Amino acid sequence: MKKVLLYIFLILCLSSIFAICFGNQVYAATPKLVSKLENAFNNIESWILKLSTPAAAVAVGTGIFMKKFSFGDEERIRTGKKIIRSSLFSYAFILAIDLILSAIKSLI
């Protein structure tokens, strides 16, 4: 009888120690502020992706029209090429950041 009471007491002590030390993992609770911030960042990321595609298309179109209607002006041709190149690099950078963020989210 004493052994049974000793085992029960030992189990209760160990379980209370684990509950105190690892309480946040046991209950798996996420604070409301963290979930609100996470949702806000997800909304901001989706808006940036939605706005970057048309912005890149407008910039590339502007660069193409600048090249076509330059009428031989070398400075306008260079400016048009620079606009096209920089807008494509910027759009690729935004897509790469989205890819990196989704890879980090999958790891967490």
PDB file of N, CA and C in Angstrom:
ATOM      1  N   MET A   1       0.804  -1.187   0.000  1.00  0.00           N
ATOM      2  CA  MET A   1       0.000   0.000   0.000  1.00  0.00           C
ATOM      3  C   MET A   1       0.855   1.262   0.000  1.00  0.00           C
ATOM      4  N   LYS A   2       1.961   1.203   0.741  1.00  0.00           N
ATOM      5  CA  LYS A   2       2.852   2.360   0.786  1.00  0.00           C
ATOM      6  C   LYS A   2       3.510   2.595  -0.564  1.00  0.00           C
ATOM      7  N   LYS A   3       3.833   1.506  -1.276  1.00  0.00           N
ATOM      8  CA  LYS A   3       4.451   1.657  -2.594  1.00  0.00           C
ATOM      9  C   LYS A   3       3.478   2.306  -3.579  1.00  0.00           C
ATOM     10  N   VAL A   4       2.226   1.941  -3.529  1.00  0.00           N
ATOM     11  CA  VAL A   4       1.224   2.513  -4.431  1.00  0.00           C
ATOM     12  C   VAL A   4       1.072   4.007  -4.158  1.00  0.00           C
ATOM     13  N   LEU A   5       0.999   4.384  -2.886  1.00  0.00           N
ATOM     14  CA  LEU A   5       0.892   5.806  -2.539  1.00  0.00           C
ATOM     15  C   LEU A   5       2.151   6.570  -2.936  1.00  0.00           C
ATOM     16  N   LEU A   6       3.304   5.933  -2.790  1.00  0.00           N
ATOM     17  CA  LEU A   6       4.558   6.571  -3.189  1.00  0.00           C
ATOM     18  C   LEU A   6       4.610   6.796  -4.695  1.00  0.00           C
ATOM     19  N   TYR A   7       4.169   5.792  -5.472  1.00  0.00           N
ATOM     20  CA  TYR A   7       4.141   5.938  -6.936  1.00  0.00           C
ATOM     21  C   TYR A   7       3.152   7.018  -7.373  1.00  0.00           C
ATOM     22  N   ILE A   8       1.992   7.061  -6.734  1.00  0.00           N
ATOM     23  CA  ILE A   8       1.000   8.090  -7.075  1.00  0.00           C
ATOM     24  C   ILE A   8       1.540   9.475  -6.740  1.00  0.00           C
ATOM     25  N   PHE A   9       2.167   9.611  -5.582  1.00  0.00           N
ATOM     26  CA  PHE A   9       2.754  10.891  -5.188  1.00  0.00           C
ATOM     27  C   PHE A   9       3.860  11.303  -6.154  1.00  0.00           C
ATOM     28  N   LEU A  10       4.700  10.350  -6.556  1.00  0.00           N
ATOM     29  CA  LEU A  10       5.788  10.634  -7.497  1.00  0.00           C
ATOM     30  C   LEU A  10       5.238  11.065  -8.855  1.00  0.00           C
ATOM     31  N   ILE A  11       4.203  10.391  -9.313  1.00  0.00           N
ATOM     32  CA  ILE A  11       3.592  10.743 -10.608  1.00  0.00           C
ATOM     33  C   ILE A  11       2.968  12.131 -10.539  1.00  0.00           C
ATOM     34  N   LEU A  12       2.284  12.450  -9.447  1.00  0.00           N
ATOM     35  CA  LEU A  12       1.690  13.780  -9.302  1.00  0.00           C
ATOM     36  C   LEU A  12       2.745  14.875  -9.243  1.00  0.00           C
ATOM     37  N   CYS A  13       3.839  14.615  -8.547  1.00  0.00           N
ATOM     38  CA  CYS A  13       4.918  15.611  -8.464  1.00  0.00           C
ATOM     39  C   CYS A  13       5.557  15.841  -9.831  1.00  0.00           C
ATOM     40  N   LEU A  14       5.860  14.766 -10.550  1.00  0.00           N
ATOM     41  CA  LEU A  14       6.482  14.912 -11.870  1.00  0.00           C
ATOM     42  C   LEU A  14       5.550  15.590 -12.863  1.00  0.00           C
ATOM     43  N   SER A  15       4.267  15.237 -12.814  1.00  0.00           N
ATOM     44  CA  SER A  15       3.336  15.875 -13.750  1.00  0.00           C
ATOM     45  C   SER A  15       3.176  17.363 -13.445  1.00  0.00           C
ATOM     46  N   SER A  16       3.185  17.741 -12.177  1.00  0.00           N
ATOM     47  CA  SER A  16       3.086  19.165 -11.856  1.00  0.00           C
ATOM     48  C   SER A  16       4.350  19.911 -12.261  1.00  0.00           C
ATOM     49  N   ILE A  17       5.500  19.284 -12.119  1.00  0.00           N
ATOM     50  CA  ILE A  17       6.751  19.920 -12.562  1.00  0.00           C
ATOM     51  C   ILE A  17       6.746  20.110 -14.069  1.00  0.00           C
ATOM     52  N   PHE A  18       6.317  19.092 -14.815  1.00  0.00           N
ATOM     53  CA  PHE A  18       6.249  19.225 -16.272  1.00  0.00           C
ATOM     54  C   PHE A  18       5.233  20.272 -16.688  1.00  0.00           C
ATOM     55  N   ALA A  19       4.102  20.355 -15.975  1.00  0.00           N
ATOM     56  CA  ALA A  19       3.086  21.349 -16.322  1.00  0.00           C
ATOM     57  C   ALA A  19       3.589  22.763 -16.075  1.00  0.00           C
ATOM     58  N   ILE A  20       4.389  22.939 -15.027  1.00  0.00           N
ATOM     59  CA  ILE A  20       4.932  24.268 -14.734  1.00  0.00           C
ATOM     60  C   ILE A  20       6.021  24.636 -15.734  1.00  0.00           C
ATOM     61  N   CYS A  21       6.910  23.705 -16.019  1.00  0.00           N
ATOM     62  CA  CYS A  21       8.041  24.007 -16.915  1.00  0.00           C
ATOM     63  C   CYS A  21       7.625  24.117 -18.367  1.00  0.00           C
ATOM     64  N   PHE A  22       6.707  23.249 -18.799  1.00  0.00           N
ATOM     65  CA  PHE A  22       6.327  23.208 -20.206  1.00  0.00           C
ATOM     66  C   PHE A  22       4.852  23.554 -20.392  1.00  0.00           C
ATOM     67  N   GLY A  23       4.377  24.519 -19.638  1.00  0.00           N
ATOM     68  CA  GLY A  23       2.959  24.880 -19.671  1.00  0.00           C
ATOM     69  C   GLY A  23       2.508  25.460 -20.989  1.00  0.00           C
ATOM     70  N   ASN A  24       3.350  26.255 -21.624  1.00  0.00           N
ATOM     71  CA  ASN A  24       2.932  26.856 -22.898  1.00  0.00           C
ATOM     72  C   ASN A  24       2.859  25.822 -24.011  1.00  0.00           C
ATOM     73  N   GLN A  25       3.639  24.747 -23.948  1.00  0.00           N
ATOM     74  CA  GLN A  25       3.539  23.702 -24.957  1.00  0.00           C
ATOM     75  C   GLN A  25       2.380  22.752 -24.664  1.00  0.00           C
ATOM     76  N   VAL A  26       2.063  22.587 -23.398  1.00  0.00           N
ATOM     77  CA  VAL A  26       0.996  21.666 -23.021  1.00  0.00           C
ATOM     78  C   VAL A  26      -0.352  22.199 -23.491  1.00  0.00           C
ATOM     79  N   TYR A  27      -0.601  23.478 -23.270  1.00  0.00           N
ATOM     80  CA  TYR A  27      -1.887  24.041 -23.615  1.00  0.00           C
ATOM     81  C   TYR A  27      -1.956  24.521 -25.061  1.00  0.00           C
ATOM     82  N   ALA A  28      -0.826  24.717 -25.695  1.00  0.00           N
ATOM     83  CA  ALA A  28      -0.728  25.119 -27.104  1.00  0.00           C
ATOM     84  C   ALA A  28      -1.579  26.348 -27.400  1.00  0.00           C
ATOM     85  N   ALA A  29      -1.483  27.352 -26.573  1.00  0.00           N
ATOM     86  CA  ALA A  29      -2.268  28.561 -26.748  1.00  0.00           C
ATOM     87  C   ALA A  29      -1.447  29.616 -27.476  1.00  0.00           C
ATOM     88  N   THR A  30      -2.086  30.286 -28.437  1.00  0.00           N
ATOM     89  CA  THR A  30      -1.469  31.401 -29.138  1.00  0.00           C
ATOM     90  C   THR A  30      -2.158  32.674 -28.680  1.00  0.00           C
ATOM     91  N   PRO A  31      -1.405  33.670 -28.247  1.00  0.00           N
ATOM     92  CA  PRO A  31      -2.043  34.918 -27.809  1.00  0.00           C
ATOM     93  C   PRO A  31      -2.780  35.599 -28.958  1.00  0.00           C
ATOM     94  N   LYS A  32      -3.829  36.320 -28.619  1.00  0.00           N
ATOM     95  CA  LYS A  32      -4.644  36.984 -29.644  1.00  0.00           C
ATOM     96  C   LYS A  32      -3.854  38.038 -30.390  1.00  0.00           C
ATOM     97  N   LEU A  33      -2.965  38.733 -29.701  1.00  0.00           N
ATOM     98  CA  LEU A  33      -2.171  39.778 -30.351  1.00  0.00           C
ATOM     99  C   LEU A  33      -1.273  39.187 -31.432  1.00  0.00           C
ATOM    100  N   VAL A  34      -0.680  38.037 -31.150  1.00  0.00           N
ATOM    101  CA  VAL A  34       0.197  37.399 -32.133  1.00  0.00           C
ATOM    102  C   VAL A  34      -0.597  36.961 -33.350  1.00  0.00           C
ATOM    103  N   SER A  35      -1.758  36.395 -33.145  1.00  0.00           N
ATOM    104  CA  SER A  35      -2.569  35.962 -34.285  1.00  0.00           C
ATOM    105  C   SER A  35      -3.075  37.156 -35.096  1.00  0.00           C
ATOM    106  N   LYS A  36      -3.396  38.276 -34.422  1.00  0.00           N
ATOM    107  CA  LYS A  36      -3.828  39.476 -35.160  1.00  0.00           C
ATOM    108  C   LYS A  36      -2.683  40.052 -35.984  1.00  0.00           C
ATOM    109  N   LEU A  37      -1.480  40.082 -35.409  1.00  0.00           N
ATOM    110  CA  LEU A  37      -0.324  40.576 -36.160  1.00  0.00           C
ATOM    111  C   LEU A  37       0.000  39.673 -37.336  1.00  0.00           C
ATOM    112  N   GLU A  38      -0.100  38.380 -37.132  1.00  0.00           N
ATOM    113  CA  GLU A  38       0.172  37.446 -38.219  1.00  0.00           C
ATOM    114  C   GLU A  38      -0.831  37.616 -39.354  1.00  0.00           C
ATOM    115  N   ASN A  39      -2.101  37.788 -39.021  1.00  0.00           N
ATOM    116  CA  ASN A  39      -3.119  38.028 -40.048  1.00  0.00           C
ATOM    117  C   ASN A  39      -2.885  39.358 -40.762  1.00  0.00           C
ATOM    118  N   ALA A  40      -2.456  40.373 -40.024  1.00  0.00           N
ATOM    119  CA  ALA A  40      -2.188  41.674 -40.646  1.00  0.00           C
ATOM    120  C   ALA A  40      -1.025  41.573 -41.628  1.00  0.00           C
ATOM    121  N   PHE A  41       0.041  40.876 -41.234  1.00  0.00           N
ATOM    122  CA  PHE A  41       1.176  40.730 -42.146  1.00  0.00           C
ATOM    123  C   PHE A  41       0.805  39.901 -43.377  1.00  0.00           C
ATOM    124  N   ASN A  42      -0.043  38.906 -43.202  1.00  0.00           N
ATOM    125  CA  ASN A  42      -0.495  38.125 -44.359  1.00  0.00           C
ATOM    126  C   ASN A  42      -1.317  38.985 -45.309  1.00  0.00           C
ATOM    127  N   ASN A  43      -2.167  39.858 -44.757  1.00  0.00           N
ATOM    128  CA  ASN A  43      -2.953  40.765 -45.603  1.00  0.00           C
ATOM    129  C   ASN A  43      -2.058  41.753 -46.340  1.00  0.00           C
ATOM    130  N   ILE A  44      -1.056  42.297 -45.657  1.00  0.00           N
ATOM    131  CA  ILE A  44      -0.132  43.239 -46.295  1.00  0.00           C
ATOM    132  C   ILE A  44       0.636  42.547 -47.408  1.00  0.00           C
ATOM    133  N   GLU A  45       1.072  41.332 -47.163  1.00  0.00           N
ATOM    134  CA  GLU A  45       1.819  40.585 -48.185  1.00  0.00           C
ATOM    135  C   GLU A  45       0.951  40.316 -49.413  1.00  0.00           C
ATOM    136  N   SER A  46      -0.307  39.951 -49.198  1.00  0.00           N
ATOM    137  CA  SER A  46      -1.182  39.692 -50.345  1.00  0.00           C
ATOM    138  C   SER A  46      -1.462  40.974 -51.129  1.00  0.00           C
ATOM    139  N   TRP A  47      -1.609  42.105 -50.435  1.00  0.00           N
ATOM    140  CA  TRP A  47      -1.836  43.372 -51.136  1.00  0.00           C
ATOM    141  C   TRP A  47      -0.610  43.783 -51.951  1.00  0.00           C
ATOM    142  N   ILE A  48       0.569  43.575 -51.397  1.00  0.00           N
ATOM    143  CA  ILE A  48       1.787  43.920 -52.137  1.00  0.00           C
ATOM    144  C   ILE A  48       1.895  43.082 -53.402  1.00  0.00           C
ATOM    145  N   LEU A  49       1.590  41.795 -53.299  1.00  0.00           N
ATOM    146  CA  LEU A  49       1.646  40.950 -54.491  1.00  0.00           C
ATOM    147  C   LEU A  49       0.583  41.336 -55.512  1.00  0.00           C
ATOM    148  N   LYS A  50      -0.612  41.708 -55.023  1.00  0.00           N
ATOM    149  CA  LYS A  50      -1.675  42.111 -55.949  1.00  0.00           C
ATOM    150  C   LYS A  50      -1.345  43.417 -56.657  1.00  0.00           C
ATOM    151  N   LEU A  51      -0.660  44.330 -55.978  1.00  0.00           N
ATOM    152  CA  LEU A  51      -0.345  45.629 -56.582  1.00  0.00           C
ATOM    153  C   LEU A  51       0.930  45.603 -57.419  1.00  0.00           C
ATOM    154  N   SER A  52       1.845  44.682 -57.116  1.00  0.00           N
ATOM    155  CA  SER A  52       3.128  44.689 -57.815  1.00  0.00           C
ATOM    156  C   SER A  52       3.008  44.192 -59.253  1.00  0.00           C
ATOM    157  N   THR A  53       2.100  43.280 -59.524  1.00  0.00           N
ATOM    158  CA  THR A  53       1.968  42.758 -60.888  1.00  0.00           C
ATOM    159  C   THR A  53       1.511  43.833 -61.875  1.00  0.00           C
ATOM    160  N   PRO A  54       0.431  44.562 -61.599  1.00  0.00           N
ATOM    161  CA  PRO A  54       0.061  45.627 -62.544  1.00  0.00           C
ATOM    162  C   PRO A  54       1.080  46.759 -62.601  1.00  0.00           C
ATOM    163  N   ALA A  55       1.719  47.049 -61.472  1.00  0.00           N
ATOM    164  CA  ALA A  55       2.726  48.116 -61.476  1.00  0.00           C
ATOM    165  C   ALA A  55       3.911  47.740 -62.356  1.00  0.00           C
ATOM    166  N   ALA A  56       4.331  46.482 -62.295  1.00  0.00           N
ATOM    167  CA  ALA A  56       5.430  46.035 -63.154  1.00  0.00           C
ATOM    168  C   ALA A  56       5.009  46.052 -64.620  1.00  0.00           C
ATOM    169  N   ALA A  57       3.767  45.668 -64.898  1.00  0.00           N
ATOM    170  CA  ALA A  57       3.289  45.687 -66.283  1.00  0.00           C
ATOM    171  C   ALA A  57       3.241  47.113 -66.828  1.00  0.00           C
ATOM    172  N   VAL A  58       2.790  48.061 -66.024  1.00  0.00           N
ATOM    173  CA  VAL A  58       2.740  49.460 -66.463  1.00  0.00           C
ATOM    174  C   VAL A  58       4.148  49.992 -66.691  1.00  0.00           C
ATOM    175  N   ALA A  59       5.091  49.643 -65.809  1.00  0.00           N
ATOM    176  CA  ALA A  59       6.466  50.121 -65.965  1.00  0.00           C
ATOM    177  C   ALA A  59       7.117  49.534 -67.209  1.00  0.00           C
ATOM    178  N   VAL A  60       6.899  48.255 -67.471  1.00  0.00           N
ATOM    179  CA  VAL A  60       7.466  47.641 -68.677  1.00  0.00           C
ATOM    180  C   VAL A  60       6.829  48.256 -69.921  1.00  0.00           C
ATOM    181  N   GLY A  61       5.522  48.459 -69.879  1.00  0.00           N
ATOM    182  CA  GLY A  61       4.850  49.098 -71.018  1.00  0.00           C
ATOM    183  C   GLY A  61       5.359  50.507 -71.271  1.00  0.00           C
ATOM    184  N   THR A  62       5.593  51.255 -70.216  1.00  0.00           N
ATOM    185  CA  THR A  62       6.140  52.603 -70.357  1.00  0.00           C
ATOM    186  C   THR A  62       7.523  52.568 -70.981  1.00  0.00           C
ATOM    187  N   GLY A  63       8.348  51.639 -70.530  1.00  0.00           N
ATOM    188  CA  GLY A  63       9.689  51.509 -71.098  1.00  0.00           C
ATOM    189  C   GLY A  63       9.662  51.118 -72.569  1.00  0.00           C
ATOM    190  N   ILE A  64       8.747  50.218 -72.923  1.00  0.00           N
ATOM    191  CA  ILE A  64       8.636  49.797 -74.329  1.00  0.00           C
ATOM    192  C   ILE A  64       8.166  50.966 -75.199  1.00  0.00           C
ATOM    193  N   PHE A  65       7.154  51.693 -74.740  1.00  0.00           N
ATOM    194  CA  PHE A  65       6.696  52.849 -75.511  1.00  0.00           C
ATOM    195  C   PHE A  65       7.767  53.926 -75.605  1.00  0.00           C
ATOM    196  N   MET A  66       8.564  54.075 -74.546  1.00  0.00           N
ATOM    197  CA  MET A  66       9.639  55.052 -74.576  1.00  0.00           C
ATOM    198  C   MET A  66      10.681  54.675 -75.629  1.00  0.00           C
ATOM    199  N   LYS A  67      10.972  53.375 -75.734  1.00  0.00           N
ATOM    200  CA  LYS A  67      11.927  52.925 -76.750  1.00  0.00           C
ATOM    201  C   LYS A  67      11.355  53.080 -78.160  1.00  0.00           C
ATOM    202  N   LYS A  68      10.091  52.723 -78.325  1.00  0.00           N
ATOM    203  CA  LYS A  68       9.480  52.765 -79.659  1.00  0.00           C
ATOM    204  C   LYS A  68       9.323  54.197 -80.181  1.00  0.00           C
ATOM    205  N   PHE A  69       8.950  55.108 -79.298  1.00  0.00           N
ATOM    206  CA  PHE A  69       8.694  56.473 -79.722  1.00  0.00           C
ATOM    207  C   PHE A  69       9.842  57.418 -79.388  1.00  0.00           C
ATOM    208  N   SER A  70      11.049  56.895 -79.386  1.00  0.00           N
ATOM    209  CA  SER A  70      12.207  57.741 -79.079  1.00  0.00           C
ATOM    210  C   SER A  70      12.669  58.520 -80.310  1.00  0.00           C
ATOM    211  N   PHE A  71      12.330  58.036 -81.506  1.00  0.00           N
ATOM    212  CA  PHE A  71      12.713  58.659 -82.771  1.00  0.00           C
ATOM    213  C   PHE A  71      14.219  58.872 -82.886  1.00  0.00           C
ATOM    214  N   GLY A  72      14.965  57.860 -82.431  1.00  0.00           N
ATOM    215  CA  GLY A  72      16.413  57.892 -82.592  1.00  0.00           C
ATOM    216  C   GLY A  72      17.173  58.573 -81.472  1.00  0.00           C
ATOM    217  N   ASP A  73      16.504  59.089 -80.471  1.00  0.00           N
ATOM    218  CA  ASP A  73      17.173  59.742 -79.351  1.00  0.00           C
ATOM    219  C   ASP A  73      17.786  58.671 -78.441  1.00  0.00           C
ATOM    220  N   GLU A  74      19.117  58.680 -78.367  1.00  0.00           N
ATOM    221  CA  GLU A  74      19.829  57.640 -77.612  1.00  0.00           C
ATOM    222  C   GLU A  74      19.523  57.693 -76.109  1.00  0.00           C
ATOM    223  N   GLU A  75      19.333  58.882 -75.598  1.00  0.00           N
ATOM    224  CA  GLU A  75      19.064  59.002 -74.165  1.00  0.00           C
ATOM    225  C   GLU A  75      17.717  58.386 -73.796  1.00  0.00           C
ATOM    226  N   ARG A  76      16.716  58.589 -74.633  1.00  0.00           N
ATOM    227  CA  ARG A  76      15.408  57.995 -74.375  1.00  0.00           C
ATOM    228  C   ARG A  76      15.442  56.481 -74.530  1.00  0.00           C
ATOM    229  N   ILE A  77      16.229  55.979 -75.467  1.00  0.00           N
ATOM    230  CA  ILE A  77      16.361  54.530 -75.628  1.00  0.00           C
ATOM    231  C   ILE A  77      17.011  53.928 -74.381  1.00  0.00           C
ATOM    232  N   ARG A  78      18.081  54.558 -73.895  1.00  0.00           N
ATOM    233  CA  ARG A  78      18.745  54.071 -72.676  1.00  0.00           C
ATOM    234  C   ARG A  78      17.810  54.144 -71.473  1.00  0.00           C
ATOM    235  N   THR A  79      17.056  55.228 -71.370  1.00  0.00           N
ATOM    236  CA  THR A  79      16.119  55.375 -70.264  1.00  0.00           C
ATOM    237  C   THR A  79      15.023  54.309 -70.330  1.00  0.00           C
ATOM    238  N   GLY A  80      14.528  54.034 -71.518  1.00  0.00           N
ATOM    239  CA  GLY A  80      13.508  52.987 -71.689  1.00  0.00           C
ATOM    240  C   GLY A  80      14.034  51.618 -71.298  1.00  0.00           C
ATOM    241  N   LYS A  81      15.265  51.304 -71.737  1.00  0.00           N
ATOM    242  CA  LYS A  81      15.871  50.021 -71.361  1.00  0.00           C
ATOM    243  C   LYS A  81      16.072  49.932 -69.856  1.00  0.00           C
ATOM    244  N   LYS A  82      16.491  51.045 -69.239  1.00  0.00           N
ATOM    245  CA  LYS A  82      16.721  51.068 -67.801  1.00  0.00           C
ATOM    246  C   LYS A  82      15.414  50.866 -67.027  1.00  0.00           C
ATOM    247  N   ILE A  83      14.330  51.468 -67.521  1.00  0.00           N
ATOM    248  CA  ILE A  83      13.030  51.310 -66.871  1.00  0.00           C
ATOM    249  C   ILE A  83      12.561  49.861 -66.958  1.00  0.00           C
ATOM    250  N   ILE A  84      12.708  49.258 -68.136  1.00  0.00           N
ATOM    251  CA  ILE A  84      12.293  47.861 -68.309  1.00  0.00           C
ATOM    252  C   ILE A  84      13.102  46.941 -67.400  1.00  0.00           C
ATOM    253  N   ARG A  85      14.404  47.124 -67.413  1.00  0.00           N
ATOM    254  CA  ARG A  85      15.280  46.263 -66.621  1.00  0.00           C
ATOM    255  C   ARG A  85      15.008  46.407 -65.126  1.00  0.00           C
ATOM    256  N   SER A  86      14.892  47.646 -64.658  1.00  0.00           N
ATOM    257  CA  SER A  86      14.692  47.852 -63.218  1.00  0.00           C
ATOM    258  C   SER A  86      13.320  47.360 -62.760  1.00  0.00           C
ATOM    259  N   SER A  87      12.294  47.508 -63.583  1.00  0.00           N
ATOM    260  CA  SER A  87      10.970  47.029 -63.175  1.00  0.00           C
ATOM    261  C   SER A  87      10.925  45.502 -63.135  1.00  0.00           C
ATOM    262  N   LEU A  88      11.577  44.848 -64.080  1.00  0.00           N
ATOM    263  CA  LEU A  88      11.610  43.383 -64.048  1.00  0.00           C
ATOM    264  C   LEU A  88      12.418  42.866 -62.864  1.00  0.00           C
ATOM    265  N   PHE A  89      13.539  43.510 -62.543  1.00  0.00           N
ATOM    266  CA  PHE A  89      14.315  43.109 -61.376  1.00  0.00           C
ATOM    267  C   PHE A  89      13.524  43.331 -60.077  1.00  0.00           C
ATOM    268  N   SER A  90      12.815  44.443 -60.002  1.00  0.00           N
ATOM    269  CA  SER A  90      12.020  44.722 -58.801  1.00  0.00           C
ATOM    270  C   SER A  90      10.903  43.700 -58.631  1.00  0.00           C
ATOM    271  N   TYR A  91      10.236  43.352 -59.720  1.00  0.00           N
ATOM    272  CA  TYR A  91       9.162  42.364 -59.645  1.00  0.00           C
ATOM    273  C   TYR A  91       9.723  40.992 -59.280  1.00  0.00           C
ATOM    274  N   ALA A  92      10.872  40.630 -59.837  1.00  0.00           N
ATOM    275  CA  ALA A  92      11.504  39.355 -59.481  1.00  0.00           C
ATOM    276  C   ALA A  92      11.916  39.350 -58.012  1.00  0.00           C
ATOM    277  N   PHE A  93      12.380  40.488 -57.502  1.00  0.00           N
ATOM    278  CA  PHE A  93      12.752  40.598 -56.091  1.00  0.00           C
ATOM    279  C   PHE A  93      11.539  40.398 -55.185  1.00  0.00           C
ATOM    280  N   ILE A  94      10.409  40.981 -55.543  1.00  0.00           N
ATOM    281  CA  ILE A  94       9.185  40.826 -54.746  1.00  0.00           C
ATOM    282  C   ILE A  94       8.730  39.375 -54.758  1.00  0.00           C
ATOM    283  N   LEU A  95       8.788  38.722 -55.920  1.00  0.00           N
ATOM    284  CA  LEU A  95       8.402  37.311 -55.982  1.00  0.00           C
ATOM    285  C   LEU A  95       9.370  36.425 -55.215  1.00  0.00           C
ATOM    286  N   ALA A  96      10.657  36.768 -55.226  1.00  0.00           N
ATOM    287  CA  ALA A  96      11.640  35.989 -54.466  1.00  0.00           C
ATOM    288  C   ALA A  96      11.411  36.140 -52.966  1.00  0.00           C
ATOM    289  N   ILE A  97      11.070  37.332 -52.530  1.00  0.00           N
ATOM    290  CA  ILE A  97      10.780  37.540 -51.102  1.00  0.00           C
ATOM    291  C   ILE A  97       9.551  36.729 -50.697  1.00  0.00           C
ATOM    292  N   ASP A  98       8.536  36.689 -51.559  1.00  0.00           N
ATOM    293  CA  ASP A  98       7.353  35.887 -51.265  1.00  0.00           C
ATOM    294  C   ASP A  98       7.717  34.409 -51.168  1.00  0.00           C
ATOM    295  N   LEU A  99       8.585  33.940 -52.047  1.00  0.00           N
ATOM    296  CA  LEU A  99       9.017  32.545 -52.016  1.00  0.00           C
ATOM    297  C   LEU A  99       9.789  32.235 -50.745  1.00  0.00           C
ATOM    298  N   ILE A 100      10.667  33.152 -50.342  1.00  0.00           N
ATOM    299  CA  ILE A 100      11.452  32.955 -49.115  1.00  0.00           C
ATOM    300  C   ILE A 100      10.548  32.945 -47.892  1.00  0.00           C
ATOM    301  N   LEU A 101       9.587  33.866 -47.835  1.00  0.00           N
ATOM    302  CA  LEU A 101       8.671  33.912 -46.696  1.00  0.00           C
ATOM    303  C   LEU A 101       7.806  32.663 -46.612  1.00  0.00           C
ATOM    304  N   SER A 102       7.351  32.150 -47.748  1.00  0.00           N
ATOM    305  CA  SER A 102       6.548  30.922 -47.699  1.00  0.00           C
ATOM    306  C   SER A 102       7.408  29.722 -47.300  1.00  0.00           C
ATOM    307  N   ALA A 103       8.692  29.717 -47.670  1.00  0.00           N
ATOM    308  CA  ALA A 103       9.579  28.631 -47.232  1.00  0.00           C
ATOM    309  C   ALA A 103       9.811  28.698 -45.732  1.00  0.00           C
ATOM    310  N   ILE A 104       9.965  29.904 -45.197  1.00  0.00           N
ATOM    311  CA  ILE A 104      10.150  30.054 -43.752  1.00  0.00           C
ATOM    312  C   ILE A 104       8.877  29.640 -43.003  1.00  0.00           C
ATOM    313  N   LYS A 105       7.707  30.011 -43.536  1.00  0.00           N
ATOM    314  CA  LYS A 105       6.462  29.611 -42.891  1.00  0.00           C
ATOM    315  C   LYS A 105       6.286  28.100 -42.875  1.00  0.00           C
ATOM    316  N   SER A 106       6.726  27.427 -43.932  1.00  0.00           N
ATOM    317  CA  SER A 106       6.585  25.969 -43.962  1.00  0.00           C
ATOM    318  C   SER A 106       7.528  25.291 -42.976  1.00  0.00           C
ATOM    319  N   LEU A 107       8.654  25.935 -42.666  1.00  0.00           N
ATOM    320  CA  LEU A 107       9.579  25.360 -41.701  1.00  0.00           C
ATOM    321  C   LEU A 107       9.124  25.546 -40.267  1.00  0.00           C
ATOM    322  N   ILE A 108       8.376  26.611 -40.028  1.00  0.00           N
ATOM    323  CA  ILE A 108       7.933  26.908 -38.654  1.00  0.00           C
ATOM    324  C   ILE A 108       6.719  26.153 -38.329  1.00  0.00           C
TER     325      ILE A 108
END
